[in-house]
Amino acid sequence: MIYYRKNDSFTDKEVMAIYCYDILRGYRTISVIHRYAQDHLSDHFPELCDYAAIAHRVNKLSN
């Protein structure tokens, strides 16, 4: 089992905001969504989690 450190400063609401925003922009994979967020949204989300944590949280929230 992989352990993901909980980042309390980056909320589930922020994860879903980034995910939904990028889906509406046409991005379909979590890796592309995360890369876009790192490159273009870091000013708005300075506590952005790493790719593995984002992928885990999106999958957890979709269940």
Protein backbone atom coordinates (compact mmCIF):
# COMPACT_ATOMS: atom_id res chain seq x y z
CA MET A 1 0.00 0.00 0.00
CA ILE A 2 1.26 3.46 -0.88
CA TYR A 3 1.01 6.08 1.84
CA TYR A 4 0.04 9.57 0.76
CA ARG A 5 0.93 12.30 3.19
CA LYS A 6 -2.13 14.37 3.91
CA ASN A 7 -1.66 18.00 2.91
CA ASP A 8 -4.17 19.90 5.05
CA SER A 9 -3.32 23.15 3.33
CA PHE A 10 -4.55 21.80 -0.04
CA THR A 11 -8.22 20.93 0.24
CA ASP A 12 -10.43 18.48 -1.61
CA LYS A 13 -12.36 21.49 -2.91
CA GLU A 14 -9.19 22.81 -4.52
CA VAL A 15 -8.42 19.41 -6.04
CA MET A 16 -11.89 19.26 -7.57
CA ALA A 17 -11.77 22.90 -8.72
CA ILE A 18 -8.57 22.21 -10.65
CA TYR A 19 -9.91 18.91 -11.99
CA CYS A 20 -13.24 20.37 -13.18
CA TYR A 21 -11.61 23.50 -14.63
CA ASP A 22 -9.16 21.46 -16.66
CA ILE A 23 -11.79 18.95 -17.81
CA LEU A 24 -13.78 21.90 -19.16
CA ARG A 25 -10.62 23.08 -20.95
CA GLY A 26 -10.44 19.68 -22.68
CA TYR A 27 -7.74 17.95 -20.64
CA ARG A 28 -8.62 14.33 -19.92
CA THR A 29 -5.79 12.73 -17.94
CA ILE A 30 -4.73 13.51 -14.40
CA SER A 31 -1.09 13.81 -15.47
CA VAL A 32 -1.93 16.52 -18.02
CA ILE A 33 -4.24 18.24 -15.55
CA HIS A 34 -1.55 18.26 -12.88
CA ARG A 35 1.08 19.55 -15.32
CA TYR A 36 -1.24 22.37 -16.43
CA ALA A 37 -1.96 23.28 -12.80
CA GLN A 38 1.78 23.39 -12.01
CA ASP A 39 2.55 25.51 -15.06
CA HIS A 40 -0.41 27.90 -15.06
CA LEU A 41 -2.32 27.80 -11.78
CA SER A 42 0.43 27.77 -9.16
CA ASP A 43 -0.21 31.44 -8.30
CA HIS A 44 -3.77 30.50 -7.33
CA PHE A 45 -2.82 27.19 -5.68
CA PRO A 46 0.59 27.66 -4.02
CA GLU A 47 0.16 24.48 -1.91
CA LEU A 48 -0.43 22.23 -4.92
CA CYS A 49 0.24 18.56 -4.12
CA ASP A 50 2.47 16.34 -6.21
CA TYR A 51 1.05 14.22 -9.03
CA ALA A 52 0.64 11.02 -6.98
CA ALA A 53 -1.29 12.81 -4.23
CA ILE A 54 -3.56 14.56 -6.75
CA ALA A 55 -4.26 11.28 -8.58
CA HIS A 56 -5.03 9.52 -5.31
CA ARG A 57 -7.38 12.26 -4.11
CA VAL A 58 -9.25 12.55 -7.43
CA ASN A 59 -9.77 8.78 -7.45
CA LYS A 60 -10.83 8.79 -3.79
CA LEU A 61 -13.30 11.64 -4.36
CA SER A 62 -14.81 9.97 -7.43
CA ASN A 63 -15.95 6.97 -5.39
